[in-house]
């Protein structure tokens, strides 16, 4: 777990160093995995229908409901690794 946590923290640094902006779908995946890893299942009501960005983020996070933090961390690390390789 300590190694995974260190990899997760390093991935947070690495994602900020990407030379190209990831696609919206990639950004939603990163957001939802990060939130699931750090905050657990989504809470509260879905944002209103005119808050497109908030709604998309909520929906992406809600799809991960029930995923444990360690799995979310590992998938986040893997996703950042893919993006780093693609945009290096």
PDB file of N, CA and C in Angstrom:
ATOM      1  N   UNK A   1       0.822  -1.197   0.000  1.00  0.00           N
ATOM      2  CA  UNK A   1       0.000   0.000   0.000  1.00  0.00           C
ATOM      3  C   UNK A   1       0.864   1.257   0.000  1.00  0.00           C
ATOM      4  N   UNK A   2       1.970   1.234   0.728  1.00  0.00           N
ATOM      5  CA  UNK A   2       2.845   2.407   0.778  1.00  0.00           C
ATOM      6  C   UNK A   2       3.425   2.700  -0.600  1.00  0.00           C
ATOM      7  N   UNK A   3       3.790   1.636  -1.333  1.00  0.00           N
ATOM      8  CA  UNK A   3       4.312   1.829  -2.680  1.00  0.00           C
ATOM      9  C   UNK A   3       3.255   2.405  -3.607  1.00  0.00           C
ATOM     10  N   UNK A   4       2.029   1.920  -3.488  1.00  0.00           N
ATOM     11  CA  UNK A   4       0.933   2.417  -4.321  1.00  0.00           C
ATOM     12  C   UNK A   4       0.659   3.879  -4.006  1.00  0.00           C
ATOM     13  N   UNK A   5       0.655   4.234  -2.736  1.00  0.00           N
ATOM     14  CA  UNK A   5       0.411   5.623  -2.341  1.00  0.00           C
ATOM     15  C   UNK A   5       1.509   6.534  -2.887  1.00  0.00           C
ATOM     16  N   UNK A   6       2.757   6.073  -2.837  1.00  0.00           N
ATOM     17  CA  UNK A   6       3.859   6.865  -3.384  1.00  0.00           C
ATOM     18  C   UNK A   6       3.721   7.006  -4.905  1.00  0.00           C
ATOM     19  N   UNK A   7       3.338   5.937  -5.579  1.00  0.00           N
ATOM     20  CA  UNK A   7       3.127   5.993  -7.026  1.00  0.00           C
ATOM     21  C   UNK A   7       1.975   6.930  -7.367  1.00  0.00           C
ATOM     22  N   UNK A   8       0.921   6.894  -6.562  1.00  0.00           N
ATOM     23  CA  UNK A   8      -0.232   7.765  -6.759  1.00  0.00           C
ATOM     24  C   UNK A   8       0.170   9.232  -6.616  1.00  0.00           C
ATOM     25  N   UNK A   9       0.946   9.524  -5.595  1.00  0.00           N
ATOM     26  CA  UNK A   9       1.411  10.899  -5.382  1.00  0.00           C
ATOM     27  C   UNK A   9       2.336  11.350  -6.504  1.00  0.00           C
ATOM     28  N   UNK A  10       3.200  10.462  -6.988  1.00  0.00           N
ATOM     29  CA  UNK A  10       4.081  10.803  -8.098  1.00  0.00           C
ATOM     30  C   UNK A  10       3.283  11.032  -9.379  1.00  0.00           C
ATOM     31  N   UNK A  11       2.239  10.239  -9.586  1.00  0.00           N
ATOM     32  CA  UNK A  11       1.386  10.395 -10.768  1.00  0.00           C
ATOM     33  C   UNK A  11       0.711  11.769 -10.761  1.00  0.00           C
ATOM     34  N   UNK A  12       0.363  12.268  -9.589  1.00  0.00           N
ATOM     35  CA  UNK A  12      -0.245  13.600  -9.481  1.00  0.00           C
ATOM     36  C   UNK A  12       0.728  14.680  -9.925  1.00  0.00           C
ATOM     37  N   UNK A  13       1.997  14.482  -9.665  1.00  0.00           N
ATOM     38  CA  UNK A  13       3.028  15.416 -10.115  1.00  0.00           C
ATOM     39  C   UNK A  13       3.251  15.263 -11.621  1.00  0.00           C
ATOM     40  N   UNK A  14       3.335  14.018 -12.074  1.00  0.00           N
ATOM     41  CA  UNK A  14       3.601  13.736 -13.480  1.00  0.00           C
ATOM     42  C   UNK A  14       2.514  14.269 -14.402  1.00  0.00           C
ATOM     43  N   UNK A  15       1.268  14.179 -13.979  1.00  0.00           N
ATOM     44  CA  UNK A  15       0.166  14.610 -14.839  1.00  0.00           C
ATOM     45  C   UNK A  15       0.232  16.121 -15.097  1.00  0.00           C
ATOM     46  N   UNK A  16       0.771  16.864 -14.159  1.00  0.00           N
ATOM     47  CA  UNK A  16       0.901  18.316 -14.328  1.00  0.00           C
ATOM     48  C   UNK A  16       2.019  18.681 -15.290  1.00  0.00           C
ATOM     49  N   UNK A  17       2.899  17.732 -15.578  1.00  0.00           N
ATOM     50  CA  UNK A  17       4.040  17.990 -16.452  1.00  0.00           C
ATOM     51  C   UNK A  17       3.794  17.545 -17.894  1.00  0.00           C
ATOM     52  N   UNK A  18       2.579  17.111 -18.216  1.00  0.00           N
ATOM     53  CA  UNK A  18       2.293  16.682 -19.582  1.00  0.00           C
ATOM     54  C   UNK A  18       2.486  17.859 -20.536  1.00  0.00           C
ATOM     55  N   UNK A  19       3.029  17.571 -21.701  1.00  0.00           N
ATOM     56  CA  UNK A  19       3.302  18.631 -22.665  1.00  0.00           C
ATOM     57  C   UNK A  19       2.091  18.961 -23.534  1.00  0.00           C
ATOM     58  N   UNK A  20       1.087  18.079 -23.537  1.00  0.00           N
ATOM     59  CA  UNK A  20      -0.131  18.278 -24.316  1.00  0.00           C
ATOM     60  C   UNK A  20      -1.330  18.085 -23.395  1.00  0.00           C
ATOM     61  N   UNK A  21      -2.365  18.879 -23.603  1.00  0.00           N
ATOM     62  CA  UNK A  21      -3.577  18.751 -22.788  1.00  0.00           C
ATOM     63  C   UNK A  21      -4.320  17.482 -23.186  1.00  0.00           C
ATOM     64  N   UNK A  22      -4.646  16.643 -22.209  1.00  0.00           N
ATOM     65  CA  UNK A  22      -5.423  15.431 -22.505  1.00  0.00           C
ATOM     66  C   UNK A  22      -6.821  15.797 -23.024  1.00  0.00           C
ATOM     67  N   UNK A  23      -7.467  14.852 -23.680  1.00  0.00           N
ATOM     68  CA  UNK A  23      -8.824  15.061 -24.181  1.00  0.00           C
ATOM     69  C   UNK A  23      -9.785  15.199 -22.999  1.00  0.00           C
ATOM     70  N   UNK A  24     -10.979  15.686 -23.272  1.00  0.00           N
ATOM     71  CA  UNK A  24     -11.981  15.821 -22.209  1.00  0.00           C
ATOM     72  C   UNK A  24     -12.301  14.472 -21.572  1.00  0.00           C
ATOM     73  N   UNK A  25     -12.387  13.414 -22.379  1.00  0.00           N
ATOM     74  CA  UNK A  25     -12.660  12.079 -21.823  1.00  0.00           C
ATOM     75  C   UNK A  25     -11.522  11.625 -20.915  1.00  0.00           C
ATOM     76  N   UNK A  26     -10.289  11.909 -21.316  1.00  0.00           N
ATOM     77  CA  UNK A  26      -9.139  11.541 -20.482  1.00  0.00           C
ATOM     78  C   UNK A  26      -9.144  12.341 -19.182  1.00  0.00           C
ATOM     79  N   UNK A  27      -9.473  13.625 -19.278  1.00  0.00           N
ATOM     80  CA  UNK A  27      -9.536  14.457 -18.078  1.00  0.00           C
ATOM     81  C   UNK A  27     -10.643  13.982 -17.128  1.00  0.00           C
ATOM     82  N   UNK A  28     -11.783  13.595 -17.679  1.00  0.00           N
ATOM     83  CA  UNK A  28     -12.866  13.066 -16.841  1.00  0.00           C
ATOM     84  C   UNK A  28     -12.452  11.772 -16.158  1.00  0.00           C
ATOM     85  N   UNK A  29     -11.734  10.922 -16.883  1.00  0.00           N
ATOM     86  CA  UNK A  29     -11.260   9.672 -16.291  1.00  0.00           C
ATOM     87  C   UNK A  29     -10.293   9.963 -15.140  1.00  0.00           C
ATOM     88  N   UNK A  30      -9.369  10.879 -15.361  1.00  0.00           N
ATOM     89  CA  UNK A  30      -8.424  11.248 -14.300  1.00  0.00           C
ATOM     90  C   UNK A  30      -9.160  11.825 -13.092  1.00  0.00           C
ATOM     91  N   UNK A  31     -10.089  12.734 -13.355  1.00  0.00           N
ATOM     92  CA  UNK A  31     -10.849  13.364 -12.270  1.00  0.00           C
ATOM     93  C   UNK A  31     -11.598  12.324 -11.450  1.00  0.00           C
ATOM     94  N   UNK A  32     -12.343  11.466 -12.142  1.00  0.00           N
ATOM     95  CA  UNK A  32     -13.177  10.504 -11.423  1.00  0.00           C
ATOM     96  C   UNK A  32     -12.332   9.500 -10.642  1.00  0.00           C
ATOM     97  N   UNK A  33     -11.231   9.046 -11.222  1.00  0.00           N
ATOM     98  CA  UNK A  33     -10.360   8.105 -10.506  1.00  0.00           C
ATOM     99  C   UNK A  33      -9.725   8.770  -9.282  1.00  0.00           C
ATOM    100  N   UNK A  34      -9.294  10.027  -9.448  1.00  0.00           N
ATOM    101  CA  UNK A  34      -8.700  10.757  -8.323  1.00  0.00           C
ATOM    102  C   UNK A  34      -9.717  10.930  -7.196  1.00  0.00           C
ATOM    103  N   UNK A  35     -10.927  11.363  -7.549  1.00  0.00           N
ATOM    104  CA  UNK A  35     -11.953  11.580  -6.532  1.00  0.00           C
ATOM    105  C   UNK A  35     -12.344  10.278  -5.838  1.00  0.00           C
ATOM    106  N   UNK A  36     -12.452   9.192  -6.608  1.00  0.00           N
ATOM    107  CA  UNK A  36     -12.809   7.901  -6.011  1.00  0.00           C
ATOM    108  C   UNK A  36     -11.706   7.440  -5.061  1.00  0.00           C
ATOM    109  N   UNK A  37     -10.453   7.667  -5.446  1.00  0.00           N
ATOM    110  CA  UNK A  37      -9.317   7.251  -4.616  1.00  0.00           C
ATOM    111  C   UNK A  37      -9.217   8.079  -3.337  1.00  0.00           C
ATOM    112  N   UNK A  38      -9.535   9.360  -3.425  1.00  0.00           N
ATOM    113  CA  UNK A  38      -9.336  10.232  -2.273  1.00  0.00           C
ATOM    114  C   UNK A  38     -10.590  10.462  -1.438  1.00  0.00           C
ATOM    115  N   UNK A  39     -11.778  10.464  -2.067  1.00  0.00           N
ATOM    116  CA  UNK A  39     -13.012  10.784  -1.352  1.00  0.00           C
ATOM    117  C   UNK A  39     -14.011   9.631  -1.279  1.00  0.00           C
ATOM    118  N   UNK A  40     -13.784   8.575  -2.031  1.00  0.00           N
ATOM    119  CA  UNK A  40     -14.726   7.468  -2.039  1.00  0.00           C
ATOM    120  C   UNK A  40     -15.895   7.744  -2.974  1.00  0.00           C
ATOM    121  N   UNK A  41     -17.011   7.075  -2.728  1.00  0.00           N
ATOM    122  CA  UNK A  41     -18.179   7.206  -3.598  1.00  0.00           C
ATOM    123  C   UNK A  41     -18.703   8.633  -3.634  1.00  0.00           C
ATOM    124  N   UNK A  42     -19.266   8.988  -4.795  1.00  0.00           N
ATOM    125  CA  UNK A  42     -19.833  10.314  -4.996  1.00  0.00           C
ATOM    126  C   UNK A  42     -20.949  10.559  -3.988  1.00  0.00           C
ATOM    127  N   UNK A  43     -21.062  11.794  -3.540  1.00  0.00           N
ATOM    128  CA  UNK A  43     -22.070  12.176  -2.560  1.00  0.00           C
ATOM    129  C   UNK A  43     -22.828  13.401  -3.077  1.00  0.00           C
ATOM    130  N   UNK A  44     -23.993  13.611  -2.562  1.00  0.00           N
ATOM    131  CA  UNK A  44     -24.752  14.800  -2.921  1.00  0.00           C
ATOM    132  C   UNK A  44     -25.546  14.626  -4.197  1.00  0.00           C
ATOM    133  N   UNK A  45     -26.210  15.714  -4.575  1.00  0.00           N
ATOM    134  CA  UNK A  45     -27.043  15.694  -5.765  1.00  0.00           C
ATOM    135  C   UNK A  45     -26.223  16.042  -7.003  1.00  0.00           C
ATOM    136  N   UNK A  46     -26.689  15.532  -8.137  1.00  0.00           N
ATOM    137  CA  UNK A  46     -26.072  15.857  -9.418  1.00  0.00           C
ATOM    138  C   UNK A  46     -26.320  17.331  -9.715  1.00  0.00           C
ATOM    139  N   UNK A  47     -25.306  18.047 -10.239  1.00  0.00           N
ATOM    140  CA  UNK A  47     -25.507  19.462 -10.593  1.00  0.00           C
ATOM    141  C   UNK A  47     -26.639  19.629 -11.610  1.00  0.00           C
ATOM    142  N   UNK A  48     -27.190  20.820 -11.676  1.00  0.00           N
ATOM    143  CA  UNK A  48     -28.303  21.121 -12.575  1.00  0.00           C
ATOM    144  C   UNK A  48     -27.966  20.891 -14.040  1.00  0.00           C
ATOM    145  N   UNK A  49     -29.008  20.854 -14.854  1.00  0.00           N
ATOM    146  CA  UNK A  49     -28.838  20.504 -16.265  1.00  0.00           C
ATOM    147  C   UNK A  49     -28.064  21.550 -17.059  1.00  0.00           C
ATOM    148  N   UNK A  50     -27.927  22.744 -16.555  1.00  0.00           N
ATOM    149  CA  UNK A  50     -27.166  23.770 -17.274  1.00  0.00           C
ATOM    150  C   UNK A  50     -25.707  23.825 -16.838  1.00  0.00           C
ATOM    151  N   UNK A  51     -25.360  23.048 -15.834  1.00  0.00           N
ATOM    152  CA  UNK A  51     -23.963  22.928 -15.406  1.00  0.00           C
ATOM    153  C   UNK A  51     -23.385  21.691 -16.096  1.00  0.00           C
ATOM    154  N   UNK A  52     -23.045  21.863 -17.378  1.00  0.00           N
ATOM    155  CA  UNK A  52     -22.592  20.735 -18.193  1.00  0.00           C
ATOM    156  C   UNK A  52     -21.300  20.115 -17.660  1.00  0.00           C
ATOM    157  N   UNK A  53     -20.365  20.968 -17.305  1.00  0.00           N
ATOM    158  CA  UNK A  53     -19.080  20.473 -16.798  1.00  0.00           C
ATOM    159  C   UNK A  53     -19.266  19.737 -15.468  1.00  0.00           C
ATOM    160  N   UNK A  54     -19.999  20.338 -14.554  1.00  0.00           N
ATOM    161  CA  UNK A  54     -20.256  19.710 -13.260  1.00  0.00           C
ATOM    162  C   UNK A  54     -21.014  18.399 -13.409  1.00  0.00           C
ATOM    163  N   UNK A  55     -21.977  18.382 -14.314  1.00  0.00           N
ATOM    164  CA  UNK A  55     -22.750  17.164 -14.556  1.00  0.00           C
ATOM    165  C   UNK A  55     -21.890  16.045 -15.115  1.00  0.00           C
ATOM    166  N   UNK A  56     -21.010  16.392 -16.048  1.00  0.00           N
ATOM    167  CA  UNK A  56     -20.120  15.383 -16.642  1.00  0.00           C
ATOM    168  C   UNK A  56     -19.175  14.821 -15.592  1.00  0.00           C
ATOM    169  N   UNK A  57     -18.654  15.689 -14.740  1.00  0.00           N
ATOM    170  CA  UNK A  57     -17.748  15.234 -13.687  1.00  0.00           C
ATOM    171  C   UNK A  57     -18.478  14.331 -12.696  1.00  0.00           C
ATOM    172  N   UNK A  58     -19.676  14.734 -12.310  1.00  0.00           N
ATOM    173  CA  UNK A  58     -20.477  13.932 -11.387  1.00  0.00           C
ATOM    174  C   UNK A  58     -20.772  12.556 -11.987  1.00  0.00           C
ATOM    175  N   UNK A  59     -21.199  12.532 -13.251  1.00  0.00           N
ATOM    176  CA  UNK A  59     -21.543  11.266 -13.907  1.00  0.00           C
ATOM    177  C   UNK A  59     -20.335  10.340 -14.009  1.00  0.00           C
ATOM    178  N   UNK A  60     -19.176  10.905 -14.369  1.00  0.00           N
ATOM    179  CA  UNK A  60     -17.961  10.094 -14.490  1.00  0.00           C
ATOM    180  C   UNK A  60     -17.583   9.493 -13.139  1.00  0.00           C
ATOM    181  N   UNK A  61     -17.685  10.284 -12.090  1.00  0.00           N
ATOM    182  CA  UNK A  61     -17.350   9.809 -10.744  1.00  0.00           C
ATOM    183  C   UNK A  61     -18.370   8.777 -10.276  1.00  0.00           C
ATOM    184  N   UNK A  62     -19.653   9.004 -10.575  1.00  0.00           N
ATOM    185  CA  UNK A  62     -20.704   8.087 -10.142  1.00  0.00           C
ATOM    186  C   UNK A  62     -20.545   6.696 -10.759  1.00  0.00           C
ATOM    187  N   UNK A  63     -19.989   6.626 -11.963  1.00  0.00           N
ATOM    188  CA  UNK A  63     -19.775   5.335 -12.624  1.00  0.00           C
ATOM    189  C   UNK A  63     -18.795   4.447 -11.855  1.00  0.00           C
ATOM    190  N   UNK A  64     -17.997   5.061 -11.001  1.00  0.00           N
ATOM    191  CA  UNK A  64     -16.999   4.301 -10.233  1.00  0.00           C
ATOM    192  C   UNK A  64     -17.513   3.902  -8.847  1.00  0.00           C
ATOM    193  N   UNK A  65     -18.781   4.157  -8.595  1.00  0.00           N
ATOM    194  CA  UNK A  65     -19.363   3.863  -7.275  1.00  0.00           C
ATOM    195  C   UNK A  65     -19.078   2.411  -6.892  1.00  0.00           C
ATOM    196  N   UNK A  66     -18.589   2.225  -5.672  1.00  0.00           N
ATOM    197  CA  UNK A  66     -18.292   0.895  -5.156  1.00  0.00           C
ATOM    198  C   UNK A  66     -16.848   0.459  -5.365  1.00  0.00           C
ATOM    199  N   UNK A  67     -16.088   1.182  -6.191  1.00  0.00           N
ATOM    200  CA  UNK A  67     -14.677   0.837  -6.414  1.00  0.00           C
ATOM    201  C   UNK A  67     -13.874   1.232  -5.175  1.00  0.00           C
ATOM    202  N   UNK A  68     -13.008   0.336  -4.717  1.00  0.00           N
ATOM    203  CA  UNK A  68     -12.205   0.652  -3.541  1.00  0.00           C
ATOM    204  C   UNK A  68     -11.079   1.625  -3.902  1.00  0.00           C
ATOM    205  N   UNK A  69     -10.561   2.301  -2.889  1.00  0.00           N
ATOM    206  CA  UNK A  69      -9.558   3.347  -3.087  1.00  0.00           C
ATOM    207  C   UNK A  69      -8.285   2.817  -3.744  1.00  0.00           C
ATOM    208  N   UNK A  70      -7.851   1.627  -3.363  1.00  0.00           N
ATOM    209  CA  UNK A  70      -6.611   1.080  -3.919  1.00  0.00           C
ATOM    210  C   UNK A  70      -6.742   0.823  -5.423  1.00  0.00           C
ATOM    211  N   UNK A  71      -7.882   0.290  -5.846  1.00  0.00           N
ATOM    212  CA  UNK A  71      -8.111   0.045  -7.272  1.00  0.00           C
ATOM    213  C   UNK A  71      -8.134   1.364  -8.031  1.00  0.00           C
ATOM    214  N   UNK A  72      -8.807   2.368  -7.478  1.00  0.00           N
ATOM    215  CA  UNK A  72      -8.867   3.674  -8.120  1.00  0.00           C
ATOM    216  C   UNK A  72      -7.473   4.295  -8.222  1.00  0.00           C
ATOM    217  N   UNK A  73      -6.686   4.173  -7.163  1.00  0.00           N
ATOM    218  CA  UNK A  73      -5.316   4.698  -7.194  1.00  0.00           C
ATOM    219  C   UNK A  73      -4.509   4.022  -8.295  1.00  0.00           C
ATOM    220  N   UNK A  74      -4.589   2.700  -8.373  1.00  0.00           N
ATOM    221  CA  UNK A  74      -3.821   1.963  -9.376  1.00  0.00           C
ATOM    222  C   UNK A  74      -4.261   2.343 -10.786  1.00  0.00           C
ATOM    223  N   UNK A  75      -5.554   2.468 -11.005  1.00  0.00           N
ATOM    224  CA  UNK A  75      -6.036   2.858 -12.330  1.00  0.00           C
ATOM    225  C   UNK A  75      -5.621   4.284 -12.679  1.00  0.00           C
ATOM    226  N   UNK A  76      -5.571   5.168 -11.691  1.00  0.00           N
ATOM    227  CA  UNK A  76      -5.106   6.539 -11.901  1.00  0.00           C
ATOM    228  C   UNK A  76      -3.630   6.530 -12.316  1.00  0.00           C
ATOM    229  N   UNK A  77      -2.831   5.770 -11.580  1.00  0.00           N
ATOM    230  CA  UNK A  77      -1.398   5.662 -11.897  1.00  0.00           C
ATOM    231  C   UNK A  77      -1.212   5.110 -13.314  1.00  0.00           C
ATOM    232  N   UNK A  78      -1.981   4.079 -13.661  1.00  0.00           N
ATOM    233  CA  UNK A  78      -1.891   3.482 -14.991  1.00  0.00           C
ATOM    234  C   UNK A  78      -2.294   4.485 -16.075  1.00  0.00           C
ATOM    235  N   UNK A  79      -3.362   5.234 -15.829  1.00  0.00           N
ATOM    236  CA  UNK A  79      -3.842   6.220 -16.805  1.00  0.00           C
ATOM    237  C   UNK A  79      -2.810   7.318 -17.020  1.00  0.00           C
ATOM    238  N   UNK A  80      -2.210   7.802 -15.952  1.00  0.00           N
ATOM    239  CA  UNK A  80      -1.177   8.826 -16.072  1.00  0.00           C
ATOM    240  C   UNK A  80       0.018   8.265 -16.840  1.00  0.00           C
ATOM    241  N   UNK A  81       0.364   7.005 -16.586  1.00  0.00           N
ATOM    242  CA  UNK A  81       1.446   6.361 -17.332  1.00  0.00           C
ATOM    243  C   UNK A  81       1.156   6.308 -18.826  1.00  0.00           C
ATOM    244  N   UNK A  82      -0.083   5.976 -19.184  1.00  0.00           N
ATOM    245  CA  UNK A  82      -0.482   5.957 -20.599  1.00  0.00           C
ATOM    246  C   UNK A  82      -0.361   7.347 -21.216  1.00  0.00           C
ATOM    247  N   UNK A  83      -0.846   8.359 -20.500  1.00  0.00           N
ATOM    248  CA  UNK A  83      -0.799   9.723 -21.020  1.00  0.00           C
ATOM    249  C   UNK A  83       0.631  10.231 -21.140  1.00  0.00           C
ATOM    250  N   UNK A  84       1.443   9.890 -20.172  1.00  0.00           N
ATOM    251  CA  UNK A  84       2.846  10.302 -20.206  1.00  0.00           C
ATOM    252  C   UNK A  84       3.547   9.701 -21.409  1.00  0.00           C
ATOM    253  N   UNK A  85       3.282   8.424 -21.691  1.00  0.00           N
ATOM    254  CA  UNK A  85       3.875   7.752 -22.840  1.00  0.00           C
ATOM    255  C   UNK A  85       3.359   8.351 -24.151  1.00  0.00           C
ATOM    256  N   UNK A  86       2.082   8.681 -24.191  1.00  0.00           N
ATOM    257  CA  UNK A  86       1.470   9.208 -25.426  1.00  0.00           C
ATOM    258  C   UNK A  86       1.892  10.644 -25.715  1.00  0.00           C
ATOM    259  N   UNK A  87       2.089  11.428 -24.663  1.00  0.00           N
ATOM    260  CA  UNK A  87       2.365  12.858 -24.849  1.00  0.00           C
ATOM    261  C   UNK A  87       3.806  13.247 -24.533  1.00  0.00           C
ATOM    262  N   UNK A  88       4.684  12.272 -24.454  1.00  0.00           N
ATOM    263  CA  UNK A  88       6.087  12.570 -24.141  1.00  0.00           C
ATOM    264  C   UNK A  88       6.849  12.949 -25.390  1.00  0.00           C
TER     265      UNK A  88
END
